[in-house]
Amino acid sequence: MSKKIHITIQAGEISEQTVEVAETVTYEELLDTLDINQETVLVLNGGNAVPLDGAISSDKLTILKVVTGG
C-alpha cells in the first residue's frame, strides 16, 4: 500500500509538493527519493525534528534547509 504526503520545503523560498510513498518508507528514503542530501536539512513533523531512520507517521512534513557559515 502507499500513502500521500504533503511536503513543504523551506530553502530560502518555500515550495510545496505532494508525493506518494510506500506505507513503510523512512524519512531518509523520502529524502533520497526527492534527491535531497540528508546532511543539509532537518525534517520536521508538527514542528519537531524527527530521526531520519524512523518510519513516516504523518501526512504533512516540513523539510528545512540548514544554513551554516564560518
PDB file of N, CA and C in Angstrom:
ATOM      1  N   MET A   1       0.827  -1.188   0.000  1.00  0.00           N
ATOM      2  CA  MET A   1       0.000   0.000   0.000  1.00  0.00           C
ATOM      3  C   MET A   1       0.868   1.247   0.000  1.00  0.00           C
ATOM      4  N   SER A   2       0.270   2.356  -0.376  1.00  0.00           N
ATOM      5  CA  SER A   2       1.003   3.613  -0.400  1.00  0.00           C
ATOM      6  C   SER A   2       0.175   4.696   0.278  1.00  0.00           C
ATOM      7  N   LYS A   3       0.855   5.811   0.557  1.00  0.00           N
ATOM      8  CA  LYS A   3       0.173   6.957   1.155  1.00  0.00           C
ATOM      9  C   LYS A   3       0.727   8.225   0.539  1.00  0.00           C
ATOM     10  N   LYS A   4      -0.081   9.291   0.589  1.00  0.00           N
ATOM     11  CA  LYS A   4       0.343  10.584   0.052  1.00  0.00           C
ATOM     12  C   LYS A   4       0.815  11.459   1.203  1.00  0.00           C
ATOM     13  N   ILE A   5       1.918  12.176   0.955  1.00  0.00           N
ATOM     14  CA  ILE A   5       2.483  13.066   1.957  1.00  0.00           C
ATOM     15  C   ILE A   5       2.637  14.449   1.344  1.00  0.00           C
ATOM     16  N   HIS A   6       2.110  15.455   2.032  1.00  0.00           N
ATOM     17  CA  HIS A   6       2.260  16.843   1.599  1.00  0.00           C
ATOM     18  C   HIS A   6       3.538  17.372   2.239  1.00  0.00           C
ATOM     19  N   ILE A   7       4.443  17.895   1.424  1.00  0.00           N
ATOM     20  CA  ILE A   7       5.744  18.343   1.899  1.00  0.00           C
ATOM     21  C   ILE A   7       5.913  19.826   1.599  1.00  0.00           C
ATOM     22  N   THR A   8       6.326  20.566   2.620  1.00  0.00           N
ATOM     23  CA  THR A   8       6.707  21.961   2.457  1.00  0.00           C
ATOM     24  C   THR A   8       8.221  22.021   2.586  1.00  0.00           C
ATOM     25  N   ILE A   9       8.894  22.552   1.583  1.00  0.00           N
ATOM     26  CA  ILE A   9      10.350  22.657   1.605  1.00  0.00           C
ATOM     27  C   ILE A   9      10.718  24.131   1.766  1.00  0.00           C
ATOM     28  N   GLN A  10      11.450  24.424   2.853  1.00  0.00           N
ATOM     29  CA  GLN A  10      11.877  25.789   3.125  1.00  0.00           C
ATOM     30  C   GLN A  10      13.378  25.869   2.902  1.00  0.00           C
ATOM     31  N   ALA A  11      13.761  26.465   1.794  1.00  0.00           N
ATOM     32  CA  ALA A  11      15.178  26.594   1.433  1.00  0.00           C
ATOM     33  C   ALA A  11      15.379  27.963   0.801  1.00  0.00           C
ATOM     34  N   GLY A  12      15.312  29.013   1.617  1.00  0.00           N
ATOM     35  CA  GLY A  12      15.351  30.367   1.070  1.00  0.00           C
ATOM     36  C   GLY A  12      13.964  30.792   0.640  1.00  0.00           C
ATOM     37  N   GLU A  13      13.376  30.043  -0.255  1.00  0.00           N
ATOM     38  CA  GLU A  13      11.982  30.253  -0.634  1.00  0.00           C
ATOM     39  C   GLU A  13      11.219  28.992  -0.256  1.00  0.00           C
ATOM     40  N   ILE A  14       9.928  29.093  -0.242  1.00  0.00           N
ATOM     41  CA  ILE A  14       9.096  27.967   0.172  1.00  0.00           C
ATOM     42  C   ILE A  14       8.460  27.324  -1.051  1.00  0.00           C
ATOM     43  N   SER A  15       8.579  25.997  -1.132  1.00  0.00           N
ATOM     44  CA  SER A  15       7.897  25.257  -2.192  1.00  0.00           C
ATOM     45  C   SER A  15       7.112  24.120  -1.545  1.00  0.00           C
ATOM     46  N   GLU A  16       6.091  23.685  -2.231  1.00  0.00           N
ATOM     47  CA  GLU A  16       5.246  22.617  -1.712  1.00  0.00           C
ATOM     48  C   GLU A  16       5.015  21.581  -2.795  1.00  0.00           C
ATOM     49  N   GLN A  17       4.917  20.334  -2.342  1.00  0.00           N
ATOM     50  CA  GLN A  17       4.590  19.257  -3.267  1.00  0.00           C
ATOM     51  C   GLN A  17       3.966  18.103  -2.499  1.00  0.00           C
ATOM     52  N   THR A  18       3.276  17.254  -3.221  1.00  0.00           N
ATOM     53  CA  THR A  18       2.705  16.050  -2.636  1.00  0.00           C
ATOM     54  C   THR A  18       3.334  14.861  -3.342  1.00  0.00           C
ATOM     55  N   VAL A  19       3.786  13.887  -2.547  1.00  0.00           N
ATOM     56  CA  VAL A  19       4.397  12.687  -3.111  1.00  0.00           C
ATOM     57  C   VAL A  19       3.671  11.463  -2.576  1.00  0.00           C
ATOM     58  N   GLU A  20       3.717  10.406  -3.354  1.00  0.00           N
ATOM     59  CA  GLU A  20       3.128   9.141  -2.932  1.00  0.00           C
ATOM     60  C   GLU A  20       4.253   8.167  -2.639  1.00  0.00           C
ATOM     61  N   VAL A  21       4.221   7.581  -1.437  1.00  0.00           N
ATOM     62  CA  VAL A  21       5.285   6.687  -0.987  1.00  0.00           C
ATOM     63  C   VAL A  21       4.681   5.425  -0.385  1.00  0.00           C
ATOM     64  N   ALA A  22       5.524   4.406  -0.219  1.00  0.00           N
ATOM     65  CA  ALA A  22       5.087   3.168   0.430  1.00  0.00           C
ATOM     66  C   ALA A  22       4.768   3.442   1.902  1.00  0.00           C
ATOM     67  N   GLU A  23       3.884   2.659   2.483  1.00  0.00           N
ATOM     68  CA  GLU A  23       3.474   2.830   3.880  1.00  0.00           C
ATOM     69  C   GLU A  23       4.656   2.789   4.844  1.00  0.00           C
ATOM     70  N   THR A  24       5.667   1.996   4.540  1.00  0.00           N
ATOM     71  CA  THR A  24       6.776   1.776   5.475  1.00  0.00           C
ATOM     72  C   THR A  24       8.014   2.609   5.177  1.00  0.00           C
ATOM     73  N   VAL A  25       7.916   3.593   4.318  1.00  0.00           N
ATOM     74  CA  VAL A  25       9.085   4.388   3.936  1.00  0.00           C
ATOM     75  C   VAL A  25       9.598   5.195   5.135  1.00  0.00           C
ATOM     76  N   THR A  26      10.917   5.377   5.195  1.00  0.00           N
ATOM     77  CA  THR A  26      11.523   6.185   6.252  1.00  0.00           C
ATOM     78  C   THR A  26      11.743   7.609   5.737  1.00  0.00           C
ATOM     79  N   TYR A  27      12.027   8.503   6.658  1.00  0.00           N
ATOM     80  CA  TYR A  27      12.320   9.884   6.274  1.00  0.00           C
ATOM     81  C   TYR A  27      13.562   9.923   5.384  1.00  0.00           C
ATOM     82  N   GLU A  28      14.547   9.098   5.705  1.00  0.00           N
ATOM     83  CA  GLU A  28      15.781   9.022   4.913  1.00  0.00           C
ATOM     84  C   GLU A  28      15.489   8.591   3.476  1.00  0.00           C
ATOM     85  N   GLU A  29      14.635   7.590   3.316  1.00  0.00           N
ATOM     86  CA  GLU A  29      14.270   7.118   1.974  1.00  0.00           C
ATOM     87  C   GLU A  29      13.490   8.195   1.212  1.00  0.00           C
ATOM     88  N   LEU A  30      12.662   8.948   1.925  1.00  0.00           N
ATOM     89  CA  LEU A  30      11.929  10.043   1.297  1.00  0.00           C
ATOM     90  C   LEU A  30      12.900  11.092   0.767  1.00  0.00           C
ATOM     91  N   LEU A  31      13.892  11.458   1.564  1.00  0.00           N
ATOM     92  CA  LEU A  31      14.884  12.437   1.114  1.00  0.00           C
ATOM     93  C   LEU A  31      15.637  11.926  -0.104  1.00  0.00           C
ATOM     94  N   ASP A  32      15.984  10.638  -0.124  1.00  0.00           N
ATOM     95  CA  ASP A  32      16.645  10.052  -1.293  1.00  0.00           C
ATOM     96  C   ASP A  32      15.753  10.163  -2.525  1.00  0.00           C
ATOM     97  N   THR A  33      14.472   9.876  -2.360  1.00  0.00           N
ATOM     98  CA  THR A  33      13.518   9.965  -3.464  1.00  0.00           C
ATOM     99  C   THR A  33      13.448  11.393  -4.014  1.00  0.00           C
ATOM    100  N   LEU A  34      13.521  12.375  -3.118  1.00  0.00           N
ATOM    101  CA  LEU A  34      13.443  13.782  -3.518  1.00  0.00           C
ATOM    102  C   LEU A  34      14.796  14.330  -3.947  1.00  0.00           C
ATOM    103  N   ASP A  35      15.833  13.501  -3.904  1.00  0.00           N
ATOM    104  CA  ASP A  35      17.206  13.895  -4.251  1.00  0.00           C
ATOM    105  C   ASP A  35      17.681  15.063  -3.386  1.00  0.00           C
ATOM    106  N   ILE A  36      17.448  14.923  -2.070  1.00  0.00           N
ATOM    107  CA  ILE A  36      17.870  15.932  -1.098  1.00  0.00           C
ATOM    108  C   ILE A  36      18.916  15.301  -0.189  1.00  0.00           C
ATOM    109  N   ASN A  37      20.055  15.972  -0.043  1.00  0.00           N
ATOM    110  CA  ASN A  37      21.132  15.498   0.825  1.00  0.00           C
ATOM    111  C   ASN A  37      20.675  15.600   2.275  1.00  0.00           C
ATOM    112  N   GLN A  38      20.602  14.468   2.969  1.00  0.00           N
ATOM    113  CA  GLN A  38      20.078  14.439   4.329  1.00  0.00           C
ATOM    114  C   GLN A  38      20.950  15.196   5.335  1.00  0.00           C
ATOM    115  N   GLU A  39      22.188  15.479   4.974  1.00  0.00           N
ATOM    116  CA  GLU A  39      23.083  16.205   5.875  1.00  0.00           C
ATOM    117  C   GLU A  39      22.872  17.716   5.817  1.00  0.00           C
ATOM    118  N   THR A  40      22.012  18.177   4.916  1.00  0.00           N
ATOM    119  CA  THR A  40      21.805  19.624   4.752  1.00  0.00           C
ATOM    120  C   THR A  40      20.422  20.087   5.193  1.00  0.00           C
ATOM    121  N   VAL A  41      19.614  19.183   5.745  1.00  0.00           N
ATOM    122  CA  VAL A  41      18.238  19.534   6.096  1.00  0.00           C
ATOM    123  C   VAL A  41      17.821  18.945   7.440  1.00  0.00           C
ATOM    124  N   LEU A  42      16.761  19.509   7.987  1.00  0.00           N
ATOM    125  CA  LEU A  42      16.040  18.928   9.104  1.00  0.00           C
ATOM    126  C   LEU A  42      14.653  18.571   8.587  1.00  0.00           C
ATOM    127  N   VAL A  43      14.145  17.424   9.003  1.00  0.00           N
ATOM    128  CA  VAL A  43      12.781  17.043   8.657  1.00  0.00           C
ATOM    129  C   VAL A  43      11.937  17.259   9.907  1.00  0.00           C
ATOM    130  N   LEU A  44      10.872  18.035   9.742  1.00  0.00           N
ATOM    131  CA  LEU A  44      10.012  18.387  10.866  1.00  0.00           C
ATOM    132  C   LEU A  44       8.621  17.797  10.690  1.00  0.00           C
ATOM    133  N   ASN A  45       8.114  17.231  11.766  1.00  0.00           N
ATOM    134  CA  ASN A  45       6.758  16.707  11.810  1.00  0.00           C
ATOM    135  C   ASN A  45       6.058  17.454  12.938  1.00  0.00           C
ATOM    136  N   GLY A  46       5.138  18.339  12.595  1.00  0.00           N
ATOM    137  CA  GLY A  46       4.459  19.137  13.600  1.00  0.00           C
ATOM    138  C   GLY A  46       5.401  20.081  14.327  1.00  0.00           C
ATOM    139  N   GLY A  47       6.451  20.527  13.650  1.00  0.00           N
ATOM    140  CA  GLY A  47       7.404  21.451  14.241  1.00  0.00           C
ATOM    141  C   GLY A  47       8.533  20.793  15.014  1.00  0.00           C
ATOM    142  N   ASN A  48       8.500  19.472  15.143  1.00  0.00           N
ATOM    143  CA  ASN A  48       9.532  18.737  15.872  1.00  0.00           C
ATOM    144  C   ASN A  48      10.415  17.960  14.911  1.00  0.00           C
ATOM    145  N   ALA A  49      11.727  18.016  15.128  1.00  0.00           N
ATOM    146  CA  ALA A  49      12.661  17.250  14.295  1.00  0.00           C
ATOM    147  C   ALA A  49      12.440  15.758  14.524  1.00  0.00           C
ATOM    148  N   VAL A  50      12.588  14.985  13.458  1.00  0.00           N
ATOM    149  CA  VAL A  50      12.375  13.534  13.536  1.00  0.00           C
ATOM    150  C   VAL A  50      13.667  12.798  13.189  1.00  0.00           C
ATOM    151  N   PRO A  51      13.862  11.590  13.739  1.00  0.00           N
ATOM    152  CA  PRO A  51      15.030  10.782  13.359  1.00  0.00           C
ATOM    153  C   PRO A  51      14.838  10.263  11.941  1.00  0.00           C
ATOM    154  N   LEU A  52      15.857  10.405  11.114  1.00  0.00           N
ATOM    155  CA  LEU A  52      15.723  10.052   9.699  1.00  0.00           C
ATOM    156  C   LEU A  52      15.498   8.565   9.460  1.00  0.00           C
ATOM    157  N   ASP A  53      15.895   7.717  10.402  1.00  0.00           N
ATOM    158  CA  ASP A  53      15.704   6.279  10.195  1.00  0.00           C
ATOM    159  C   ASP A  53      14.322   5.797  10.654  1.00  0.00           C
ATOM    160  N   GLY A  54      13.486   6.724  11.117  1.00  0.00           N
ATOM    161  CA  GLY A  54      12.144   6.355  11.544  1.00  0.00           C
ATOM    162  C   GLY A  54      11.162   6.314  10.389  1.00  0.00           C
ATOM    163  N   ALA A  55      10.113   5.521  10.564  1.00  0.00           N
ATOM    164  CA  ALA A  55       9.057   5.437   9.550  1.00  0.00           C
ATOM    165  C   ALA A  55       8.211   6.703   9.602  1.00  0.00           C
ATOM    166  N   ILE A  56       7.785   7.167   8.448  1.00  0.00           N
ATOM    167  CA  ILE A  56       6.976   8.383   8.370  1.00  0.00           C
ATOM    168  C   ILE A  56       5.598   8.105   8.966  1.00  0.00           C
ATOM    169  N   SER A  57       5.210   8.960   9.920  1.00  0.00           N
ATOM    170  CA  SER A  57       3.950   8.728  10.629  1.00  0.00           C
ATOM    171  C   SER A  57       2.928   9.840  10.411  1.00  0.00           C
ATOM    172  N   SER A  58       3.220  10.766   9.502  1.00  0.00           N
ATOM    173  CA  SER A  58       2.329  11.896   9.272  1.00  0.00           C
ATOM    174  C   SER A  58       2.105  12.092   7.778  1.00  0.00           C
ATOM    175  N   ASP A  59       1.032  12.797   7.436  1.00  0.00           N
ATOM    176  CA  ASP A  59       0.794  13.082   6.021  1.00  0.00           C
ATOM    177  C   ASP A  59       1.211  14.503   5.668  1.00  0.00           C
ATOM    178  N   LYS A  60       1.810  15.248   6.638  1.00  0.00           N
ATOM    179  CA  LYS A  60       2.312  16.600   6.388  1.00  0.00           C
ATOM    180  C   LYS A  60       3.675  16.746   7.041  1.00  0.00           C
ATOM    181  N   LEU A  61       4.666  17.132   6.252  1.00  0.00           N
ATOM    182  CA  LEU A  61       6.038  17.299   6.737  1.00  0.00           C
ATOM    183  C   LEU A  61       6.610  18.616   6.236  1.00  0.00           C
ATOM    184  N   THR A  62       7.587  19.119   6.989  1.00  0.00           N
ATOM    185  CA  THR A  62       8.354  20.279   6.552  1.00  0.00           C
ATOM    186  C   THR A  62       9.810  19.870   6.462  1.00  0.00           C
ATOM    187  N   ILE A  63      10.449  20.226   5.364  1.00  0.00           N
ATOM    188  CA  ILE A  63      11.881  19.992   5.196  1.00  0.00           C
ATOM    189  C   ILE A  63      12.535  21.354   5.225  1.00  0.00           C
ATOM    190  N   LEU A  64      13.413  21.560   6.203  1.00  0.00           N
ATOM    191  CA  LEU A  64      14.046  22.852   6.431  1.00  0.00           C
ATOM    192  C   LEU A  64      15.536  22.759   6.097  1.00  0.00           C
ATOM    193  N   LYS A  65      15.971  23.555   5.134  1.00  0.00           N
ATOM    194  CA  LYS A  65      17.380  23.565   4.755  1.00  0.00           C
ATOM    195  C   LYS A  65      18.165  24.287   5.843  1.00  0.00           C
ATOM    196  N   VAL A  66      19.223  23.643   6.299  1.00  0.00           N
ATOM    197  CA  VAL A  66      20.068  24.202   7.347  1.00  0.00           C
ATOM    198  C   VAL A  66      21.188  25.006   6.694  1.00  0.00           C
ATOM    199  N   VAL A  67      21.352  26.244   7.135  1.00  0.00           N
ATOM    200  CA  VAL A  67      22.382  27.114   6.581  1.00  0.00           C
ATOM    201  C   VAL A  67      23.499  27.237   7.604  1.00  0.00           C
ATOM    202  N   THR A  68      24.721  26.994   7.156  1.00  0.00           N
ATOM    203  CA  THR A  68      25.874  27.147   8.049  1.00  0.00           C
ATOM    204  C   THR A  68      26.861  28.122   7.409  1.00  0.00           C
ATOM    205  N   GLY A  69      27.663  28.687   8.219  1.00  0.00           N
ATOM    206  CA  GLY A  69      28.654  29.616   7.698  1.00  0.00           C
ATOM    207  C   GLY A  69      29.842  29.691   8.631  1.00  0.00           C
ATOM    208  N   GLY A  70      30.874  30.344   8.162  1.00  0.00           N
ATOM    209  CA  GLY A  70      32.057  30.397   9.007  1.00  0.00           C
ATOM    210  C   GLY A  70      32.650  31.770   9.059  1.00  0.00           C
TER     211      GLY A  70
END
